[in-house]
């Protein structure tokens, strides 16, 4: 097994080559991931679909709103985007045809909540926040997460889109699977999305509000055609997301199994 340092190095190179971080600064302008911006508020997220998410988050931050509210509302944008096959309602199913969603959220005080393997609810990030605020737990999974969501006013939805079902049935012809980052893009996105506009996986978002408090959110539908019940790094505090008001915040995307094994974001901050 590679060392954590080797893993981080390889992961950084892969992210630099394959995608970008998108951020808005205190003036609401887009900035590069390497810009040393000391002013706040600020919001930063992963991949191109993070731009629309950042705009939604900025609407809250620019009015003096809390970072926690900003990250939740920000990542709800790609969760609702049916053209995004790796997050939320447009996510591709697992090998059994089930769309299962994972998400977590964390605030400046170390409070956190998560859901994993949740079906039939399109905004897992909002359920994760309620887990944080209304329960003594950190994570709810599967049927328990769905039950909790329904008890708190969320409505069931059919999350398997026609495009997702078509891709799944095409995959079933050969049923070849291994954990490969961006398998959705390699398999079906070229036909579905000219220009591969949405060719990357998880969205992770970090925000620092006008009071200097940081929060983060991470949400995904996981790898397409995964084994039913598989959960990656995205809802795991310390792997997919971690924030510390005295140090900073980190979030990750990629092959979740490797991220979990190396406790990437917690290790990065420490």
Protein backbone atom coordinates (compact mmCIF):
# COMPACT_ATOMS: atom_id res chain seq x y z
CA UNK A 1 0.00 0.00 0.00
CA UNK A 2 1.30 3.46 -0.86
CA UNK A 3 2.05 5.95 1.86
CA UNK A 4 -0.34 8.78 2.67
CA UNK A 5 2.20 11.27 1.33
CA UNK A 6 2.46 9.40 -1.99
CA UNK A 7 -1.32 9.16 -2.19
CA UNK A 8 -1.81 12.89 -1.58
CA UNK A 9 0.86 13.72 -4.13
CA UNK A 10 -0.73 11.51 -6.78
CA UNK A 11 -4.18 12.80 -5.94
CA UNK A 12 -3.10 16.40 -6.28
CA UNK A 13 -1.51 15.75 -9.66
CA UNK A 14 -4.63 13.95 -10.86
CA UNK A 15 -6.86 16.82 -9.72
CA UNK A 16 -4.64 19.37 -11.42
CA UNK A 17 -4.77 17.48 -14.68
CA UNK A 18 -8.42 16.48 -14.67
CA UNK A 19 -10.31 19.33 -13.06
CA UNK A 20 -10.29 22.55 -11.12
CA UNK A 21 -11.35 24.12 -7.89
CA UNK A 22 -13.70 27.05 -8.33
CA UNK A 23 -13.92 29.83 -5.79
CA UNK A 24 -15.52 33.19 -5.15
CA UNK A 25 -13.70 35.77 -3.09
CA UNK A 26 -14.92 38.67 -0.95
CA UNK A 27 -15.78 40.68 -4.05
CA UNK A 28 -17.75 37.85 -5.60
CA UNK A 29 -15.11 37.28 -8.26
CA UNK A 30 -13.90 33.91 -9.47
CA UNK A 31 -10.40 33.14 -8.23
CA UNK A 32 -7.88 30.39 -8.91
CA UNK A 33 -7.35 27.55 -6.47
CA UNK A 34 -3.79 28.72 -5.70
CA UNK A 35 -4.66 32.35 -5.00
CA UNK A 36 -3.62 33.47 -1.51
CA UNK A 37 -6.81 35.29 -0.55
CA UNK A 38 -6.95 36.38 3.08
CA UNK A 39 -10.22 38.27 2.97
CA UNK A 40 -13.52 36.65 3.69
CA UNK A 41 -16.22 35.59 3.16
CA UNK A 42 -15.09 33.07 0.58
CA UNK A 43 -16.49 29.86 -0.92
CA UNK A 44 -14.64 27.16 -2.80
CA UNK A 45 -15.81 23.88 -4.33
CA UNK A 46 -14.78 21.10 -6.69
CA UNK A 47 -15.18 20.80 -10.44
CA UNK A 48 -16.97 22.91 -13.02
CA UNK A 49 -20.44 22.24 -11.65
CA UNK A 50 -19.21 23.91 -8.50
CA UNK A 51 -19.52 27.29 -10.22
CA UNK A 52 -23.32 27.29 -10.08
CA UNK A 53 -23.15 25.90 -6.54
CA UNK A 54 -20.80 28.70 -5.51
CA UNK A 55 -23.19 31.31 -6.86
CA UNK A 56 -25.97 29.97 -4.67
CA UNK A 57 -23.68 29.87 -1.65
CA UNK A 58 -22.48 33.40 -2.37
CA UNK A 59 -26.02 34.72 -2.28
CA UNK A 60 -26.02 33.82 1.41
CA UNK A 61 -22.44 34.76 2.28
CA UNK A 62 -22.59 38.16 0.57
CA UNK A 63 -25.51 39.13 2.82
CA UNK A 64 -23.72 38.20 6.02
CA UNK A 65 -25.20 34.72 6.18
CA UNK A 66 -23.68 31.73 7.92
CA UNK A 67 -21.20 29.42 6.23
CA UNK A 68 -23.29 26.40 7.23
CA UNK A 69 -26.35 27.73 5.40
CA UNK A 70 -24.20 28.65 2.42
CA UNK A 71 -22.67 25.21 1.91
CA UNK A 72 -25.99 23.44 2.30
CA UNK A 73 -27.77 25.64 -0.21
CA UNK A 74 -24.77 25.64 -2.51
CA UNK A 75 -24.50 21.89 -2.97
CA UNK A 76 -28.26 21.53 -3.32
CA UNK A 77 -27.81 23.06 -6.79
CA UNK A 78 -25.93 20.11 -8.31
CA UNK A 79 -28.09 17.73 -6.26
CA UNK A 80 -31.09 19.06 -8.20
CA UNK A 81 -29.37 19.08 -11.60
CA UNK A 82 -30.68 16.15 -13.65
CA UNK A 83 -27.77 16.56 -16.09
CA UNK A 84 -25.28 15.74 -13.34
CA UNK A 85 -24.92 11.95 -13.29
CA UNK A 86 -22.70 11.81 -10.20
CA UNK A 87 -24.59 13.92 -7.65
CA UNK A 88 -28.15 13.89 -6.38
CA UNK A 89 -31.25 13.40 -8.50
CA UNK A 90 -29.42 12.75 -11.77
CA UNK A 91 -27.05 10.18 -10.28
CA UNK A 92 -26.46 6.85 -12.00
CA UNK A 93 -27.70 3.73 -10.19
CA UNK A 94 -25.81 0.87 -8.63
CA UNK A 95 -25.54 -2.53 -10.33
CA UNK A 96 -29.04 -3.46 -9.07
CA UNK A 97 -30.65 -0.33 -10.49
CA UNK A 98 -30.94 1.59 -7.22
CA UNK A 99 -29.89 5.25 -6.97
CA UNK A 100 -28.33 5.64 -3.52
CA UNK A 101 -27.05 8.96 -2.23
CA UNK A 102 -24.42 9.93 0.34
CA UNK A 103 -23.69 13.28 1.98
CA UNK A 104 -22.17 14.93 5.02
CA UNK A 105 -21.95 18.40 6.52
CA UNK A 106 -19.78 19.91 9.25
CA UNK A 107 -19.74 23.28 11.02
CA UNK A 108 -17.20 25.48 12.77
CA UNK A 109 -17.90 23.94 16.18
CA UNK A 110 -17.15 20.39 15.08
CA UNK A 111 -20.81 19.41 14.79
CA UNK A 112 -21.41 17.04 11.88
CA UNK A 113 -24.06 14.87 10.29
CA UNK A 114 -24.20 12.39 7.44
CA UNK A 115 -26.38 9.99 5.51
CA UNK A 116 -25.25 7.05 3.38
CA UNK A 117 -26.92 4.65 0.98
CA UNK A 118 -30.13 6.66 1.14
CA UNK A 119 -32.74 6.10 -1.58
CA UNK A 120 -35.75 8.11 -2.78
CA UNK A 121 -34.68 11.48 -1.29
CA UNK A 122 -33.16 13.98 -3.70
CA UNK A 123 -31.38 16.28 -1.25
CA UNK A 124 -29.24 14.15 1.06
CA UNK A 125 -27.26 17.16 2.25
CA UNK A 126 -30.33 18.62 3.94
CA UNK A 127 -31.09 15.30 5.62
CA UNK A 128 -27.48 15.14 6.81
CA UNK A 129 -27.86 18.57 8.38
CA UNK A 130 -30.95 17.43 10.27
CA UNK A 131 -29.06 14.36 11.50
CA UNK A 132 -26.52 16.81 12.91
CA UNK A 133 -29.08 19.12 14.46
CA UNK A 134 -31.87 16.78 15.59
CA UNK A 135 -30.19 13.53 16.64
CA UNK A 136 -27.39 12.46 18.99
CA UNK A 137 -25.80 10.61 16.06
CA UNK A 138 -23.42 11.47 13.24
CA UNK A 139 -24.62 9.12 10.50
CA UNK A 140 -27.81 7.37 9.45
CA UNK A 141 -27.82 4.84 6.61
CA UNK A 142 -30.15 3.08 4.20
CA UNK A 143 -33.71 2.50 5.39
CA UNK A 144 -33.04 4.30 8.64
CA UNK A 145 -31.93 7.43 6.80
CA UNK A 146 -35.02 7.27 4.59
CA UNK A 147 -37.31 6.81 7.59
CA UNK A 148 -35.73 9.79 9.33
CA UNK A 149 -36.10 11.94 6.21
CA UNK A 150 -39.77 11.07 5.81
CA UNK A 151 -40.45 11.77 9.48
CA UNK A 152 -38.97 15.23 8.96
CA UNK A 153 -41.10 16.20 6.01
CA UNK A 154 -39.06 15.08 3.01
CA UNK A 155 -40.99 13.51 0.14
CA UNK A 156 -40.11 10.33 -1.71
CA UNK A 157 -39.00 10.71 -5.33
CA UNK A 158 -38.11 8.30 -8.11
CA UNK A 159 -34.43 9.12 -8.57
CA UNK A 160 -33.77 6.81 -11.51
CA UNK A 161 -33.89 9.11 -14.53
CA UNK A 162 -34.55 7.80 -18.04
CA UNK A 163 -30.92 8.53 -18.90
CA UNK A 164 -29.69 6.72 -15.81
CA UNK A 165 -31.86 3.71 -16.56
CA UNK A 166 -30.63 3.61 -20.16
CA UNK A 167 -27.00 3.72 -19.04
CA UNK A 168 -27.61 0.98 -16.46
CA UNK A 169 -29.26 -1.34 -18.99
CA UNK A 170 -26.37 -0.77 -21.36
CA UNK A 171 -23.91 -1.62 -18.59
CA UNK A 172 -25.84 -4.80 -17.78
CA UNK A 173 -24.92 -6.25 -21.18
CA UNK A 174 -21.38 -6.91 -19.99
CA UNK A 175 -21.57 -6.24 -16.24
CA UNK A 176 -17.90 -5.34 -16.05
CA UNK A 177 -17.07 -3.33 -12.96
CA UNK A 178 -14.13 -2.08 -11.00
CA UNK A 179 -13.73 1.11 -8.96
CA UNK A 180 -12.54 3.60 -11.57
CA UNK A 181 -12.70 7.34 -11.03
CA UNK A 182 -15.01 9.08 -13.49
CA UNK A 183 -16.34 5.78 -14.89
CA UNK A 184 -19.56 7.66 -15.74
CA UNK A 185 -17.67 9.88 -18.17
CA UNK A 186 -15.75 7.00 -19.73
CA UNK A 187 -18.85 4.90 -20.27
CA UNK A 188 -21.76 7.08 -21.27
CA UNK A 189 -21.26 10.83 -20.79
CA UNK A 190 -19.93 11.52 -24.28
CA UNK A 191 -23.28 10.56 -25.82
CA UNK A 192 -25.34 12.23 -23.13
CA UNK A 193 -23.38 15.38 -22.52
CA UNK A 194 -21.58 16.93 -25.49
CA UNK A 195 -18.32 18.43 -24.31
CA UNK A 196 -18.40 16.30 -21.14
CA UNK A 197 -19.58 19.28 -19.14
CA UNK A 198 -20.38 17.18 -16.09
CA UNK A 199 -17.63 14.59 -16.23
CA UNK A 200 -16.51 14.52 -12.62
CA UNK A 201 -17.71 13.03 -9.41
CA UNK A 202 -18.43 14.40 -5.94
CA UNK A 203 -18.98 18.02 -5.08
CA UNK A 204 -17.22 19.16 -1.95
CA UNK A 205 -17.69 22.74 -0.78
CA UNK A 206 -16.00 24.85 1.89
CA UNK A 207 -17.12 28.31 2.98
CA UNK A 208 -15.77 30.93 5.36
CA UNK A 209 -18.33 33.52 6.40
CA UNK A 210 -17.98 37.17 7.40
CA UNK A 211 -17.52 36.16 11.03
CA UNK A 212 -14.56 33.94 10.17
CA UNK A 213 -16.43 30.67 10.74
CA UNK A 214 -15.91 27.76 8.39
CA UNK A 215 -18.27 24.99 7.31
CA UNK A 216 -18.18 22.29 4.68
CA UNK A 217 -20.49 19.98 2.74
CA UNK A 218 -19.97 16.97 0.51
CA UNK A 219 -22.58 15.09 -1.54
CA UNK A 220 -22.57 12.36 -4.18
CA UNK A 221 -24.42 9.47 -5.78
CA UNK A 222 -21.23 7.43 -5.59
CA UNK A 223 -19.65 5.42 -8.35
CA UNK A 224 -22.00 4.24 -11.06
CA UNK A 225 -22.84 0.53 -11.05
CA UNK A 226 -21.25 -0.04 -7.64
CA UNK A 227 -22.29 -2.99 -5.49
CA UNK A 228 -25.56 -2.29 -3.74
CA UNK A 229 -24.70 -0.96 -0.29
CA UNK A 230 -21.28 0.39 -1.23
CA UNK A 231 -20.39 3.67 0.45
CA UNK A 232 -17.38 5.76 -0.49
CA UNK A 233 -15.55 8.55 1.29
CA UNK A 234 -18.02 11.39 0.70
CA UNK A 235 -20.19 10.96 3.83
CA UNK A 236 -17.26 9.94 6.05
CA UNK A 237 -16.06 12.72 8.36
CA UNK A 238 -12.28 12.78 8.14
CA UNK A 239 -12.17 11.12 4.73
CA UNK A 240 -14.48 13.05 2.42
CA UNK A 241 -14.73 16.20 4.54
CA UNK A 242 -13.28 17.82 7.63
CA UNK A 243 -13.22 21.37 8.95
CA UNK A 244 -11.46 22.95 11.90
CA UNK A 245 -12.03 26.62 12.64
CA UNK A 246 -8.47 27.05 13.90
CA UNK A 247 -6.80 25.25 11.00
CA UNK A 248 -9.00 25.24 7.91
CA UNK A 249 -11.01 22.77 5.90
CA UNK A 250 -10.52 20.07 3.28
CA UNK A 251 -12.69 17.94 1.03
CA UNK A 252 -11.82 15.25 -1.48
CA UNK A 253 -13.05 13.52 -4.63
CA UNK A 254 -11.81 10.41 -6.36
CA UNK A 255 -11.85 6.68 -5.64
CA UNK A 256 -13.50 6.63 -2.23
CA UNK A 257 -11.91 3.40 -1.05
CA UNK A 258 -8.44 4.91 -1.33
CA UNK A 259 -9.52 8.15 0.32
CA UNK A 260 -10.99 6.24 3.28
CA UNK A 261 -7.91 4.03 3.69
CA UNK A 262 -5.73 7.10 3.99
CA UNK A 263 -8.13 9.30 6.04
CA UNK A 264 -7.11 11.94 3.54
CA UNK A 265 -8.72 15.19 4.60
CA UNK A 266 -8.15 14.76 8.34
CA UNK A 267 -4.54 13.80 7.72
CA UNK A 268 -4.10 16.75 5.38
CA UNK A 269 -5.22 19.22 8.03
CA UNK A 270 -3.08 17.66 10.75
